[in-house]
Structure formats: structure tokens, C-alpha cells
């Protein structure tokens, strides 16, 4: 049952919650290979607050959360695969709950019932409590590209433009480092999720703007003239945009660019269309007029999963007063 010290209902701030107590299953979770070789008993307690406010008193399953389905999905996800840390499994379970059920807030307590520690006589576990907005912030796809993190020391401080920003993993990262960020994309829904994530983090320095980046001349998008200290583009390629990217940079401003090469298409058929991939050394030509600070292309681990991807990466600086700085 719920532990009054570790899982106190009265402190959750979750009125009208659905509660599932001590849902038991067997899963492969442990730091050592021995722990992961054989499934061990685990238990979950959850409290779920439905989106849209209090639970509807109508005697109709469609107006509440189907706790039988919740329980079944928790067991299915918890028993599938393996992981080293309880924290990893708890995050996986919590993400499933927000992805699949109409909940606004969730609290989860996951524990090992028989941990391999001689002095423990009960259990050991972790608790997580989040709103839907908070969970958006913790999503793995909000992790910034490794290249941006590695090259941050080369970027001037100030105003940044995130082109094809999507849900804004790079905009959020730069905002956390003190940048003011304009995020542009044609996907209004993605930008709204970015705005929600920014509010959840308390970032007031991110603005979003819906822009069709692929309008032909003379209707090309307005990205500004010498407005930005940093312009960044990740995993998006529209070649006619490069003159606009150069124009948007202040003198001394820096372009950060990474996207797929043709090798990624040939190996994985991703992106599906060849024209969305760079030819060997093509990015160097597209960035002509800028001073190349760093360039490489080849295979590297994907930032967000265990696969290998093929990309070209570039840092280039706009000349100051007509000469390379």
C-alpha cells in the first residue's frame, strides 16, 4: 500500500486523483549484469490527476481515467527491455502515462521489493511527480545537439536566431545560457509546445514566429538584417536560405550549422529525399563569404539514441568591416 512517509497523498496537491496502489510485476533493472539477467519483483504506486480538472461524477468510463488500462500499460512497459537505473525505468513509465492518457499531473513511486542489500528489510525506490508542462521539459528530445554544447565557447553572447526550431531544444538551451532567442518554424503547433516549455522553465527571453522558410523570391522570409550574434540551423537544409542567414548575422556574428550528408541517406534512406542531404564539402561552398572557424563531416553517435549518423558540422563567422576577423 501507499507509504505515508514516502508517498503522502495530502502533500501531492492532487484533488480527485485516480490511485493505483502496489502494482507488482517482474522487471530487469539493476546496475550489475547479474541483476539484469533474471527478472526481479518491482512495485509501482501512482496517482493521476485528469486533464480538464476534477473527475466527472457521471457513471461513464469515458469521463474518467481507465485505471485497468493504466495498470496493464504500466506492467507492459515496466516488464519490457532492461535498464540499469530505477530512475531510467521511472522516467520511461512516466512518459508513457503522459503520452497515452488524458492526465495533467502524475506522481509515481517505483521500487525494488527485494533489493540486493543485506541491511534493507523492505524496499528501495524513486518517486517522480510532474505536471504535463514539467514533463515536456524532461523529454529526451529537448536535449541539445552535442555540437552546440561543444562549440558554445566560440559563440558571441547576445541575440540568437534558431531556424527551423521545431519544439526548441536548442532555443531552450541557449536561453538557459543567457541568450535572447528568436525561434522560427513553419510548424505552429511545435512552436506552441516550445512556448509552453519556455514558460515551464521561466524563460522570458524566447520569442516564437511562424515562418514559411521556403517561399521563393521575391517572397522569401524576412530574417532581419545584421540583427543576430548567432544563427543556428540543425537538421534542416534549404539551400536558397543561405544568403538570408548571412544577411541576418551581425558583423562578427557566428553561423552554427549541422545536418545530414548523403552518406546518411545511402545507409538509412533518411532523409528520404537526396536533396535534403549535403554532398561532400557542399556546406563549405554554401557558407562562402563567411570565415570558417570549424568544419568536419563524417559519422558520429546520434545525440538522442544509440545509432550512428552522418552529418556535416560548421562554425563560420561573418567578417567585420569587409575583412575576415
C-alpha atoms as a PDB file:
ATOM      1  CA  UNK A   1       0.000   0.000   0.000  1.00  0.00           C
ATOM      2  CA  UNK A   2       0.983   3.664  -0.142  1.00  0.00           C
ATOM      3  CA  UNK A   3       3.728   4.572   2.323  1.00  0.00           C
ATOM      4  CA  UNK A   4       2.564   7.535   4.435  1.00  0.00           C
ATOM      5  CA  UNK A   5       6.107   8.908   4.630  1.00  0.00           C
ATOM      6  CA  UNK A   6       7.296   8.416   1.047  1.00  0.00           C
ATOM      7  CA  UNK A   7       4.053   8.840  -0.883  1.00  0.00           C
ATOM      8  CA  UNK A   8       1.832  11.136   1.228  1.00  0.00           C
ATOM      9  CA  UNK A   9      -1.411  11.864  -0.606  1.00  0.00           C
ATOM     10  CA  UNK A  10      -2.129  15.034   1.325  1.00  0.00           C
ATOM     11  CA  UNK A  11       1.085  16.660   0.138  1.00  0.00           C
ATOM     12  CA  UNK A  12       0.581  15.989  -3.555  1.00  0.00           C
ATOM     13  CA  UNK A  13      -1.875  18.784  -4.223  1.00  0.00           C
ATOM     14  CA  UNK A  14      -3.819  16.386  -6.434  1.00  0.00           C
ATOM     15  CA  UNK A  15      -7.556  16.544  -5.724  1.00  0.00           C
ATOM     16  CA  UNK A  16      -9.818  13.950  -7.335  1.00  0.00           C
ATOM     17  CA  UNK A  17      -6.917  11.682  -8.204  1.00  0.00           C
ATOM     18  CA  UNK A  18      -7.027   8.141  -9.532  1.00  0.00           C
ATOM     19  CA  UNK A  19      -4.846   5.986  -7.247  1.00  0.00           C
ATOM     20  CA  UNK A  20      -3.267   2.610  -8.028  1.00  0.00           C
ATOM     21  CA  UNK A  21      -1.503   1.024  -5.042  1.00  0.00           C
ATOM     22  CA  UNK A  22       1.227  -1.603  -5.133  1.00  0.00           C
ATOM     23  CA  UNK A  23       1.003  -2.770  -8.715  1.00  0.00           C
ATOM     24  CA  UNK A  24       3.529  -5.622  -8.792  1.00  0.00           C
ATOM     25  CA  UNK A  25       5.405  -7.089 -11.755  1.00  0.00           C
ATOM     26  CA  UNK A  26       8.823  -8.514 -12.566  1.00  0.00           C
ATOM     27  CA  UNK A  27      11.384  -6.455 -14.465  1.00  0.00           C
ATOM     28  CA  UNK A  28      15.059  -6.419 -15.405  1.00  0.00           C
ATOM     29  CA  UNK A  29      16.574  -3.437 -13.642  1.00  0.00           C
ATOM     30  CA  UNK A  30      19.980  -3.294 -11.985  1.00  0.00           C
ATOM     31  CA  UNK A  31      23.489  -1.900 -12.227  1.00  0.00           C
ATOM     32  CA  UNK A  32      25.103  -5.338 -12.390  1.00  0.00           C
ATOM     33  CA  UNK A  33      24.657  -7.870 -15.171  1.00  0.00           C
ATOM     34  CA  UNK A  34      23.509 -10.397 -12.568  1.00  0.00           C
ATOM     35  CA  UNK A  35      20.606  -8.156 -11.542  1.00  0.00           C
ATOM     36  CA  UNK A  36      19.501  -7.742 -15.144  1.00  0.00           C
ATOM     37  CA  UNK A  37      19.858 -11.414 -16.055  1.00  0.00           C
ATOM     38  CA  UNK A  38      16.832 -12.510 -14.067  1.00  0.00           C
ATOM     39  CA  UNK A  39      13.601 -10.526 -13.634  1.00  0.00           C
ATOM     40  CA  UNK A  40      13.103  -9.302 -10.069  1.00  0.00           C
ATOM     41  CA  UNK A  41       9.979  -8.140  -8.228  1.00  0.00           C
ATOM     42  CA  UNK A  42       9.151  -4.447  -8.629  1.00  0.00           C
ATOM     43  CA  UNK A  43       6.155  -2.432  -7.463  1.00  0.00           C
ATOM     44  CA  UNK A  44       4.531   0.819  -8.589  1.00  0.00           C
ATOM     45  CA  UNK A  45       2.171   3.250  -6.886  1.00  0.00           C
ATOM     46  CA  UNK A  46       0.681   6.062  -8.968  1.00  0.00           C
ATOM     47  CA  UNK A  47      -1.650   8.994  -8.513  1.00  0.00           C
ATOM     48  CA  UNK A  48      -3.081  10.577 -11.651  1.00  0.00           C
ATOM     49  CA  UNK A  49      -4.988  13.829 -11.993  1.00  0.00           C
ATOM     50  CA  UNK A  50      -7.145  14.002 -15.097  1.00  0.00           C
ATOM     51  CA  UNK A  51      -6.734  16.796 -17.649  1.00  0.00           C
ATOM     52  CA  UNK A  52      -9.595  19.249 -17.608  1.00  0.00           C
ATOM     53  CA  UNK A  53      -9.997  19.467 -13.839  1.00  0.00           C
ATOM     54  CA  UNK A  54     -11.855  17.234 -11.353  1.00  0.00           C
ATOM     55  CA  UNK A  55     -13.037  13.788 -12.319  1.00  0.00           C
ATOM     56  CA  UNK A  56     -16.500  13.783 -13.847  1.00  0.00           C
ATOM     57  CA  UNK A  57     -19.023  12.145 -11.491  1.00  0.00           C
ATOM     58  CA  UNK A  58     -21.000  10.698 -14.413  1.00  0.00           C
ATOM     59  CA  UNK A  59     -21.178   6.920 -14.335  1.00  0.00           C
ATOM     60  CA  UNK A  60     -19.310   6.700 -17.642  1.00  0.00           C
ATOM     61  CA  UNK A  61     -15.799   5.336 -18.201  1.00  0.00           C
ATOM     62  CA  UNK A  62     -15.164   7.871 -20.983  1.00  0.00           C
ATOM     63  CA  UNK A  63     -15.348  10.674 -18.400  1.00  0.00           C
ATOM     64  CA  UNK A  64     -12.542   9.347 -16.229  1.00  0.00           C
ATOM     65  CA  UNK A  65      -9.205   7.525 -16.460  1.00  0.00           C
ATOM     66  CA  UNK A  66      -9.396   3.796 -17.176  1.00  0.00           C
ATOM     67  CA  UNK A  67      -7.261   2.543 -14.291  1.00  0.00           C
ATOM     68  CA  UNK A  68      -7.361  -1.055 -15.552  1.00  0.00           C
ATOM     69  CA  UNK A  69      -5.785   0.075 -18.826  1.00  0.00           C
ATOM     70  CA  UNK A  70      -3.273   2.233 -16.928  1.00  0.00           C
ATOM     71  CA  UNK A  71      -2.262  -0.764 -14.834  1.00  0.00           C
ATOM     72  CA  UNK A  72      -1.891  -3.010 -17.866  1.00  0.00           C
ATOM     73  CA  UNK A  73       0.284  -0.480 -19.713  1.00  0.00           C
ATOM     74  CA  UNK A  74       2.480   0.114 -16.660  1.00  0.00           C
ATOM     75  CA  UNK A  75       3.180  -3.599 -16.413  1.00  0.00           C
ATOM     76  CA  UNK A  76       3.801  -3.946 -20.163  1.00  0.00           C
ATOM     77  CA  UNK A  77       6.267  -1.064 -20.277  1.00  0.00           C
ATOM     78  CA  UNK A  78       7.888  -1.968 -16.962  1.00  0.00           C
ATOM     79  CA  UNK A  79       8.483  -5.587 -17.949  1.00  0.00           C
ATOM     80  CA  UNK A  80       9.781  -4.786 -21.446  1.00  0.00           C
ATOM     81  CA  UNK A  81      13.513  -4.407 -22.050  1.00  0.00           C
ATOM     82  CA  UNK A  82      16.047  -3.705 -19.337  1.00  0.00           C
ATOM     83  CA  UNK A  83      17.842  -0.770 -17.713  1.00  0.00           C
ATOM     84  CA  UNK A  84      20.498  -0.138 -15.105  1.00  0.00           C
ATOM     85  CA  UNK A  85      18.739   2.506 -13.018  1.00  0.00           C
ATOM     86  CA  UNK A  86      15.316   2.693 -11.430  1.00  0.00           C
ATOM     87  CA  UNK A  87      15.340   6.374 -12.403  1.00  0.00           C
ATOM     88  CA  UNK A  88      15.518   5.398 -16.084  1.00  0.00           C
ATOM     89  CA  UNK A  89      12.608   2.999 -15.806  1.00  0.00           C
ATOM     90  CA  UNK A  90      10.561   5.509 -13.796  1.00  0.00           C
ATOM     91  CA  UNK A  91      11.099   8.160 -16.486  1.00  0.00           C
ATOM     92  CA  UNK A  92      10.034   5.671 -19.159  1.00  0.00           C
ATOM     93  CA  UNK A  93       6.841   4.835 -17.261  1.00  0.00           C
ATOM     94  CA  UNK A  94       6.003   8.474 -16.587  1.00  0.00           C
ATOM     95  CA  UNK A  95       6.470   9.437 -20.235  1.00  0.00           C
ATOM     96  CA  UNK A  96       4.131   6.637 -21.286  1.00  0.00           C
ATOM     97  CA  UNK A  97       1.441   7.910 -18.896  1.00  0.00           C
ATOM     98  CA  UNK A  98       1.573  11.430 -20.335  1.00  0.00           C
ATOM     99  CA  UNK A  99       1.722  10.154 -23.924  1.00  0.00           C
ATOM    100  CA  UNK A 100      -1.211   7.766 -23.677  1.00  0.00           C
ATOM    101  CA  UNK A 101      -3.644   9.092 -21.061  1.00  0.00           C
ATOM    102  CA  UNK A 102      -5.547  12.379 -20.529  1.00  0.00           C
ATOM    103  CA  UNK A 103      -3.702  13.369 -17.362  1.00  0.00           C
ATOM    104  CA  UNK A 104      -2.490  16.763 -16.211  1.00  0.00           C
ATOM    105  CA  UNK A 105      -0.380  15.654 -13.265  1.00  0.00           C
ATOM    106  CA  UNK A 106       1.151  12.375 -12.134  1.00  0.00           C
ATOM    107  CA  UNK A 107       3.063  11.039  -9.170  1.00  0.00           C
ATOM    108  CA  UNK A 108       4.818   7.691  -9.391  1.00  0.00           C
ATOM    109  CA  UNK A 109       6.692   5.612  -6.817  1.00  0.00           C
ATOM    110  CA  UNK A 110       8.737   2.732  -8.285  1.00  0.00           C
ATOM    111  CA  UNK A 111      10.671   0.386  -6.031  1.00  0.00           C
ATOM    112  CA  UNK A 112      12.541  -2.899  -5.812  1.00  0.00           C
ATOM    113  CA  UNK A 113      10.798  -5.172  -3.332  1.00  0.00           C
ATOM    114  CA  UNK A 114      13.883  -7.308  -2.650  1.00  0.00           C
ATOM    115  CA  UNK A 115      16.966  -5.167  -3.364  1.00  0.00           C
ATOM    116  CA  UNK A 116      20.351  -6.922  -3.143  1.00  0.00           C
ATOM    117  CA  UNK A 117      21.379  -5.043   0.016  1.00  0.00           C
ATOM    118  CA  UNK A 118      21.730  -7.088   3.189  1.00  0.00           C
ATOM    119  CA  UNK A 119      20.767  -4.302   5.592  1.00  0.00           C
ATOM    120  CA  UNK A 120      17.481  -3.471   3.826  1.00  0.00           C
ATOM    121  CA  UNK A 121      14.414  -5.306   5.057  1.00  0.00           C
ATOM    122  CA  UNK A 122      11.726  -3.599   2.957  1.00  0.00           C
ATOM    123  CA  UNK A 123      12.341  -1.838  -0.370  1.00  0.00           C
ATOM    124  CA  UNK A 124      14.294   0.879  -2.160  1.00  0.00           C
ATOM    125  CA  UNK A 125      12.912   3.127  -4.868  1.00  0.00           C
ATOM    126  CA  UNK A 126      12.412   6.515  -6.501  1.00  0.00           C
ATOM    127  CA  UNK A 127       9.490   8.928  -6.694  1.00  0.00           C
ATOM    128  CA  UNK A 128       8.665  11.337  -9.506  1.00  0.00           C
ATOM    129  CA  UNK A 129       5.944  13.998  -9.544  1.00  0.00           C
ATOM    130  CA  UNK A 130       5.296  16.205 -12.565  1.00  0.00           C
ATOM    131  CA  UNK A 131       2.708  18.224 -14.425  1.00  0.00           C
ATOM    132  CA  UNK A 132       2.347  17.813 -18.172  1.00  0.00           C
ATOM    133  CA  UNK A 133       4.292  21.054 -18.734  1.00  0.00           C
ATOM    134  CA  UNK A 134       7.106  19.852 -16.500  1.00  0.00           C
ATOM    135  CA  UNK A 135       7.236  16.528 -18.332  1.00  0.00           C
ATOM    136  CA  UNK A 136       7.642  18.320 -21.657  1.00  0.00           C
ATOM    137  CA  UNK A 137      10.787  19.910 -20.249  1.00  0.00           C
ATOM    138  CA  UNK A 138      12.216  16.482 -19.303  1.00  0.00           C
ATOM    139  CA  UNK A 139      11.639  14.859 -22.689  1.00  0.00           C
ATOM    140  CA  UNK A 140      14.721  13.361 -24.250  1.00  0.00           C
ATOM    141  CA  UNK A 141      14.107  15.253 -27.492  1.00  0.00           C
ATOM    142  CA  UNK A 142      14.784  18.508 -25.646  1.00  0.00           C
ATOM    143  CA  UNK A 143      18.450  17.544 -25.299  1.00  0.00           C
ATOM    144  CA  UNK A 144      20.548  19.976 -27.387  1.00  0.00           C
ATOM    145  CA  UNK A 145      22.907  18.716 -30.070  1.00  0.00           C
ATOM    146  CA  UNK A 146      26.337  17.794 -28.746  1.00  0.00           C
ATOM    147  CA  UNK A 147      27.924  20.035 -31.363  1.00  0.00           C
ATOM    148  CA  UNK A 148      26.192  23.120 -29.958  1.00  0.00           C
ATOM    149  CA  UNK A 149      27.302  22.282 -26.434  1.00  0.00           C
ATOM    150  CA  UNK A 150      30.881  21.676 -27.557  1.00  0.00           C
ATOM    151  CA  UNK A 151      31.075  24.902 -29.557  1.00  0.00           C
ATOM    152  CA  UNK A 152      29.281  27.203 -27.123  1.00  0.00           C
ATOM    153  CA  UNK A 153      32.569  28.826 -26.057  1.00  0.00           C
ATOM    154  CA  UNK A 154      33.037  30.106 -29.621  1.00  0.00           C
ATOM    155  CA  UNK A 155      29.690  31.876 -29.799  1.00  0.00           C
ATOM    156  CA  UNK A 156      29.326  35.599 -29.049  1.00  0.00           C
ATOM    157  CA  UNK A 157      26.776  36.495 -26.397  1.00  0.00           C
ATOM    158  CA  UNK A 158      23.597  38.338 -27.234  1.00  0.00           C
ATOM    159  CA  UNK A 159      20.764  37.618 -29.655  1.00  0.00           C
ATOM    160  CA  UNK A 160      20.299  34.263 -31.395  1.00  0.00           C
ATOM    161  CA  UNK A 161      18.084  33.069 -34.244  1.00  0.00           C
ATOM    162  CA  UNK A 162      17.032  29.397 -34.182  1.00  0.00           C
ATOM    163  CA  UNK A 163      15.980  28.488 -37.734  1.00  0.00           C
ATOM    164  CA  UNK A 164      13.566  25.560 -38.190  1.00  0.00           C
ATOM    165  CA  UNK A 165      13.427  25.464 -34.403  1.00  0.00           C
ATOM    166  CA  UNK A 166      10.731  22.810 -34.031  1.00  0.00           C
ATOM    167  CA  UNK A 167       9.991  22.258 -30.347  1.00  0.00           C
ATOM    168  CA  UNK A 168      13.055  24.302 -29.484  1.00  0.00           C
ATOM    169  CA  UNK A 169      15.662  22.086 -27.860  1.00  0.00           C
ATOM    170  CA  UNK A 170      18.384  24.491 -28.996  1.00  0.00           C
ATOM    171  CA  UNK A 171      16.419  27.652 -28.235  1.00  0.00           C
ATOM    172  CA  UNK A 172      15.806  26.381 -24.704  1.00  0.00           C
ATOM    173  CA  UNK A 173      19.481  25.544 -24.257  1.00  0.00           C
ATOM    174  CA  UNK A 174      20.674  28.971 -25.388  1.00  0.00           C
ATOM    175  CA  UNK A 175      18.060  30.697 -23.237  1.00  0.00           C
ATOM    176  CA  UNK A 176      19.386  28.755 -20.246  1.00  0.00           C
ATOM    177  CA  UNK A 177      22.820  30.233 -21.048  1.00  0.00           C
ATOM    178  CA  UNK A 178      21.586  33.832 -21.072  1.00  0.00           C
ATOM    179  CA  UNK A 179      20.780  34.341 -24.764  1.00  0.00           C
ATOM    180  CA  UNK A 180      17.716  36.098 -26.116  1.00  0.00           C
ATOM    181  CA  UNK A 181      16.353  33.784 -28.808  1.00  0.00           C
ATOM    182  CA  UNK A 182      14.016  34.206 -31.762  1.00  0.00           C
ATOM    183  CA  UNK A 183      12.705  30.789 -32.838  1.00  0.00           C
ATOM    184  CA  UNK A 184      11.173  30.453 -36.308  1.00  0.00           C
ATOM    185  CA  UNK A 185       9.477  27.465 -37.913  1.00  0.00           C
ATOM    186  CA  UNK A 186       6.546  26.750 -40.204  1.00  0.00           C
ATOM    187  CA  UNK A 187       5.001  24.350 -37.631  1.00  0.00           C
ATOM    188  CA  UNK A 188       2.770  26.446 -35.390  1.00  0.00           C
ATOM    189  CA  UNK A 189       1.974  23.508 -33.098  1.00  0.00           C
ATOM    190  CA  UNK A 190       5.668  22.795 -32.482  1.00  0.00           C
ATOM    191  CA  UNK A 191       6.316  26.445 -31.656  1.00  0.00           C
ATOM    192  CA  UNK A 192       3.404  26.438 -29.227  1.00  0.00           C
ATOM    193  CA  UNK A 193       4.981  23.459 -27.451  1.00  0.00           C
ATOM    194  CA  UNK A 194       8.235  25.394 -27.339  1.00  0.00           C
ATOM    195  CA  UNK A 195       6.452  28.369 -25.788  1.00  0.00           C
ATOM    196  CA  UNK A 196       4.882  26.055 -23.208  1.00  0.00           C
ATOM    197  CA  UNK A 197       8.282  24.571 -22.334  1.00  0.00           C
ATOM    198  CA  UNK A 198       9.780  28.053 -22.039  1.00  0.00           C
ATOM    199  CA  UNK A 199       7.033  29.136 -19.646  1.00  0.00           C
ATOM    200  CA  UNK A 200       7.514  25.988 -17.569  1.00  0.00           C
ATOM    201  CA  UNK A 201      11.203  26.841 -17.207  1.00  0.00           C
ATOM    202  CA  UNK A 202      10.581  30.508 -16.523  1.00  0.00           C
ATOM    203  CA  UNK A 203      12.391  31.667 -19.677  1.00  0.00           C
ATOM    204  CA  UNK A 204      11.071  35.029 -20.826  1.00  0.00           C
ATOM    205  CA  UNK A 205      13.807  35.556 -23.438  1.00  0.00           C
ATOM    206  CA  UNK A 206      12.380  33.258 -26.138  1.00  0.00           C
ATOM    207  CA  UNK A 207      10.029  34.574 -28.814  1.00  0.00           C
ATOM    208  CA  UNK A 208       8.435  32.397 -31.483  1.00  0.00           C
ATOM    209  CA  UNK A 209       7.322  33.254 -35.002  1.00  0.00           C
ATOM    210  CA  UNK A 210       5.595  31.079 -37.588  1.00  0.00           C
ATOM    211  CA  UNK A 211       7.528  31.476 -40.847  1.00  0.00           C
ATOM    212  CA  UNK A 212       7.451  29.605 -44.138  1.00  0.00           C
ATOM    213  CA  UNK A 213      11.189  29.370 -44.766  1.00  0.00           C
ATOM    214  CA  UNK A 214      10.838  28.058 -48.315  1.00  0.00           C
ATOM    215  CA  UNK A 215       8.942  30.819 -50.080  1.00  0.00           C
ATOM    216  CA  UNK A 216      10.531  31.634 -53.452  1.00  0.00           C
ATOM    217  CA  UNK A 217      11.932  35.038 -54.378  1.00  0.00           C
ATOM    218  CA  UNK A 218      10.703  37.766 -54.168  1.00  0.00           C
ATOM    219  CA  UNK A 219       8.605  36.479 -51.251  1.00  0.00           C
ATOM    220  CA  UNK A 220      11.424  34.930 -49.244  1.00  0.00           C
ATOM    221  CA  UNK A 221      11.109  35.157 -45.436  1.00  0.00           C
ATOM    222  CA  UNK A 222      12.383  38.196 -43.581  1.00  0.00           C
ATOM    223  CA  UNK A 223      15.060  37.038 -41.145  1.00  0.00           C
ATOM    224  CA  UNK A 224      16.365  40.527 -40.491  1.00  0.00           C
ATOM    225  CA  UNK A 225      19.492  42.434 -41.458  1.00  0.00           C
ATOM    226  CA  UNK A 226      22.562  42.250 -39.204  1.00  0.00           C
ATOM    227  CA  UNK A 227      20.318  41.520 -36.250  1.00  0.00           C
ATOM    228  CA  UNK A 228      21.790  38.363 -34.678  1.00  0.00           C
ATOM    229  CA  UNK A 229      25.002  37.463 -32.888  1.00  0.00           C
ATOM    230  CA  UNK A 230      24.317  33.763 -33.508  1.00  0.00           C
ATOM    231  CA  UNK A 231      22.282  31.986 -36.183  1.00  0.00           C
ATOM    232  CA  UNK A 232      21.842  28.241 -35.743  1.00  0.00           C
ATOM    233  CA  UNK A 233      20.367  25.623 -38.043  1.00  0.00           C
ATOM    234  CA  UNK A 234      20.197  21.943 -37.109  1.00  0.00           C
ATOM    235  CA  UNK A 235      18.976  19.135 -39.359  1.00  0.00           C
ATOM    236  CA  UNK A 236      17.278  21.357 -41.889  1.00  0.00           C
ATOM    237  CA  UNK A 237      18.504  22.125 -45.406  1.00  0.00           C
ATOM    238  CA  UNK A 238      17.062  24.639 -47.848  1.00  0.00           C
ATOM    239  CA  UNK A 239      19.901  25.935 -49.971  1.00  0.00           C
ATOM    240  CA  UNK A 240      18.321  29.254 -51.109  1.00  0.00           C
ATOM    241  CA  UNK A 241      18.153  30.276 -47.442  1.00  0.00           C
ATOM    242  CA  UNK A 242      21.914  30.729 -47.023  1.00  0.00           C
ATOM    243  CA  UNK A 243      22.113  34.341 -48.304  1.00  0.00           C
ATOM    244  CA  UNK A 244      19.401  35.248 -45.798  1.00  0.00           C
ATOM    245  CA  UNK A 245      21.314  33.533 -42.986  1.00  0.00           C
ATOM    246  CA  UNK A 246      24.442  35.528 -43.826  1.00  0.00           C
ATOM    247  CA  UNK A 247      22.462  38.761 -44.022  1.00  0.00           C
ATOM    248  CA  UNK A 248      20.836  38.116 -40.628  1.00  0.00           C
ATOM    249  CA  UNK A 249      24.222  37.923 -38.875  1.00  0.00           C
ATOM    250  CA  UNK A 250      25.797  40.985 -37.336  1.00  0.00           C
ATOM    251  CA  UNK A 251      29.423  41.634 -38.353  1.00  0.00           C
ATOM    252  CA  UNK A 252      31.373  39.201 -36.204  1.00  0.00           C
ATOM    253  CA  UNK A 253      28.290  37.032 -35.744  1.00  0.00           C
ATOM    254  CA  UNK A 254      28.532  33.251 -35.971  1.00  0.00           C
ATOM    255  CA  UNK A 255      26.618  30.673 -38.004  1.00  0.00           C
ATOM    256  CA  UNK A 256      26.244  27.216 -36.406  1.00  0.00           C
ATOM    257  CA  UNK A 257      25.108  24.543 -38.831  1.00  0.00           C
ATOM    258  CA  UNK A 258      24.727  20.764 -38.747  1.00  0.00           C
ATOM    259  CA  UNK A 259      22.708  18.492 -40.984  1.00  0.00           C
ATOM    260  CA  UNK A 260      22.779  15.133 -42.742  1.00  0.00           C
ATOM    261  CA  UNK A 261      25.167  14.229 -45.546  1.00  0.00           C
ATOM    262  CA  UNK A 262      24.366  11.985 -48.482  1.00  0.00           C
ATOM    263  CA  UNK A 263      26.013   9.075 -46.635  1.00  0.00           C
ATOM    264  CA  UNK A 264      23.139   9.064 -44.145  1.00  0.00           C
ATOM    265  CA  UNK A 265      20.621   8.763 -46.980  1.00  0.00           C
ATOM    266  CA  UNK A 266      22.586   5.974 -48.669  1.00  0.00           C
ATOM    267  CA  UNK A 267      22.863   3.937 -45.467  1.00  0.00           C
ATOM    268  CA  UNK A 268      19.493   4.559 -43.832  1.00  0.00           C
ATOM    269  CA  UNK A 269      17.300   6.176 -46.525  1.00  0.00           C
ATOM    270  CA  UNK A 270      16.952   9.105 -44.131  1.00  0.00           C
ATOM    271  CA  UNK A 271      16.158  11.791 -45.085  1.00  0.00           C
ATOM    272  CA  UNK A 272      14.046  10.068 -47.726  1.00  0.00           C
ATOM    273  CA  UNK A 273      14.912  12.603 -50.418  1.00  0.00           C
ATOM    274  CA  UNK A 274      18.507  13.051 -51.540  1.00  0.00           C
ATOM    275  CA  UNK A 275      18.123  16.798 -51.996  1.00  0.00           C
ATOM    276  CA  UNK A 276      17.720  17.163 -48.237  1.00  0.00           C
ATOM    277  CA  UNK A 277      21.287  15.888 -47.767  1.00  0.00           C
ATOM    278  CA  UNK A 278      24.631  17.614 -48.289  1.00  0.00           C
ATOM    279  CA  UNK A 279      27.157  16.439 -50.851  1.00  0.00           C
ATOM    280  CA  UNK A 280      30.789  16.112 -49.700  1.00  0.00           C
ATOM    281  CA  UNK A 281      32.157  19.555 -48.751  1.00  0.00           C
ATOM    282  CA  UNK A 282      29.000  21.237 -50.042  1.00  0.00           C
ATOM    283  CA  UNK A 283      28.390  23.079 -46.791  1.00  0.00           C
ATOM    284  CA  UNK A 284      31.709  24.906 -47.204  1.00  0.00           C
ATOM    285  CA  UNK A 285      30.520  26.345 -50.500  1.00  0.00           C
ATOM    286  CA  UNK A 286      27.113  27.297 -49.137  1.00  0.00           C
ATOM    287  CA  UNK A 287      28.823  29.243 -46.349  1.00  0.00           C
ATOM    288  CA  UNK A 288      31.038  31.199 -48.755  1.00  0.00           C
ATOM    289  CA  UNK A 289      31.593  34.778 -47.611  1.00  0.00           C
ATOM    290  CA  UNK A 290      31.976  33.644 -44.008  1.00  0.00           C
ATOM    291  CA  UNK A 291      35.229  32.777 -42.247  1.00  0.00           C
ATOM    292  CA  UNK A 292      35.310  29.051 -41.447  1.00  0.00           C
ATOM    293  CA  UNK A 293      36.174  28.528 -37.794  1.00  0.00           C
ATOM    294  CA  UNK A 294      35.423  24.798 -37.635  1.00  0.00           C
ATOM    295  CA  UNK A 295      34.328  22.203 -40.166  1.00  0.00           C
ATOM    296  CA  UNK A 296      34.035  18.435 -40.151  1.00  0.00           C
ATOM    297  CA  UNK A 297      31.891  15.769 -41.751  1.00  0.00           C
ATOM    298  CA  UNK A 298      31.548  12.063 -41.139  1.00  0.00           C
ATOM    299  CA  UNK A 299      29.966   9.534 -38.800  1.00  0.00           C
ATOM    300  CA  UNK A 300      29.180  10.204 -35.165  1.00  0.00           C
ATOM    301  CA  UNK A 301      26.827   8.911 -32.426  1.00  0.00           C
ATOM    302  CA  UNK A 302      23.314  10.309 -32.577  1.00  0.00           C
ATOM    303  CA  UNK A 303      22.653  12.642 -29.643  1.00  0.00           C
ATOM    304  CA  UNK A 304      19.247  11.115 -28.903  1.00  0.00           C
ATOM    305  CA  UNK A 305      19.689   7.368 -29.394  1.00  0.00           C
ATOM    306  CA  UNK A 306      22.290   4.652 -29.858  1.00  0.00           C
ATOM    307  CA  UNK A 307      22.579   4.843 -33.645  1.00  0.00           C
ATOM    308  CA  UNK A 308      25.339   6.338 -35.801  1.00  0.00           C
ATOM    309  CA  UNK A 309      24.508   9.243 -38.114  1.00  0.00           C
ATOM    310  CA  UNK A 310      26.438  11.005 -40.878  1.00  0.00           C
ATOM    311  CA  UNK A 311      26.491  14.791 -40.766  1.00  0.00           C
ATOM    312  CA  UNK A 312      28.478  17.871 -41.733  1.00  0.00           C
ATOM    313  CA  UNK A 313      29.111  20.449 -38.995  1.00  0.00           C
ATOM    314  CA  UNK A 314      30.245  24.033 -39.392  1.00  0.00           C
ATOM    315  CA  UNK A 315      31.056  27.114 -37.345  1.00  0.00           C
ATOM    316  CA  UNK A 316      31.570  30.230 -39.503  1.00  0.00           C
ATOM    317  CA  UNK A 317      31.993  33.905 -38.598  1.00  0.00           C
ATOM    318  CA  UNK A 318      30.767  36.909 -40.587  1.00  0.00           C
ATOM    319  CA  UNK A 319      33.582  39.319 -41.497  1.00  0.00           C
ATOM    320  CA  UNK A 320      33.858  42.628 -39.677  1.00  0.00           C
ATOM    321  CA  UNK A 321      34.087  45.777 -41.808  1.00  0.00           C
ATOM    322  CA  UNK A 322      34.554  43.866 -45.017  1.00  0.00           C
ATOM    323  CA  UNK A 323      37.519  41.700 -43.921  1.00  0.00           C
ATOM    324  CA  UNK A 324      37.771  38.362 -42.169  1.00  0.00           C
ATOM    325  CA  UNK A 325      38.072  38.746 -38.407  1.00  0.00           C
END
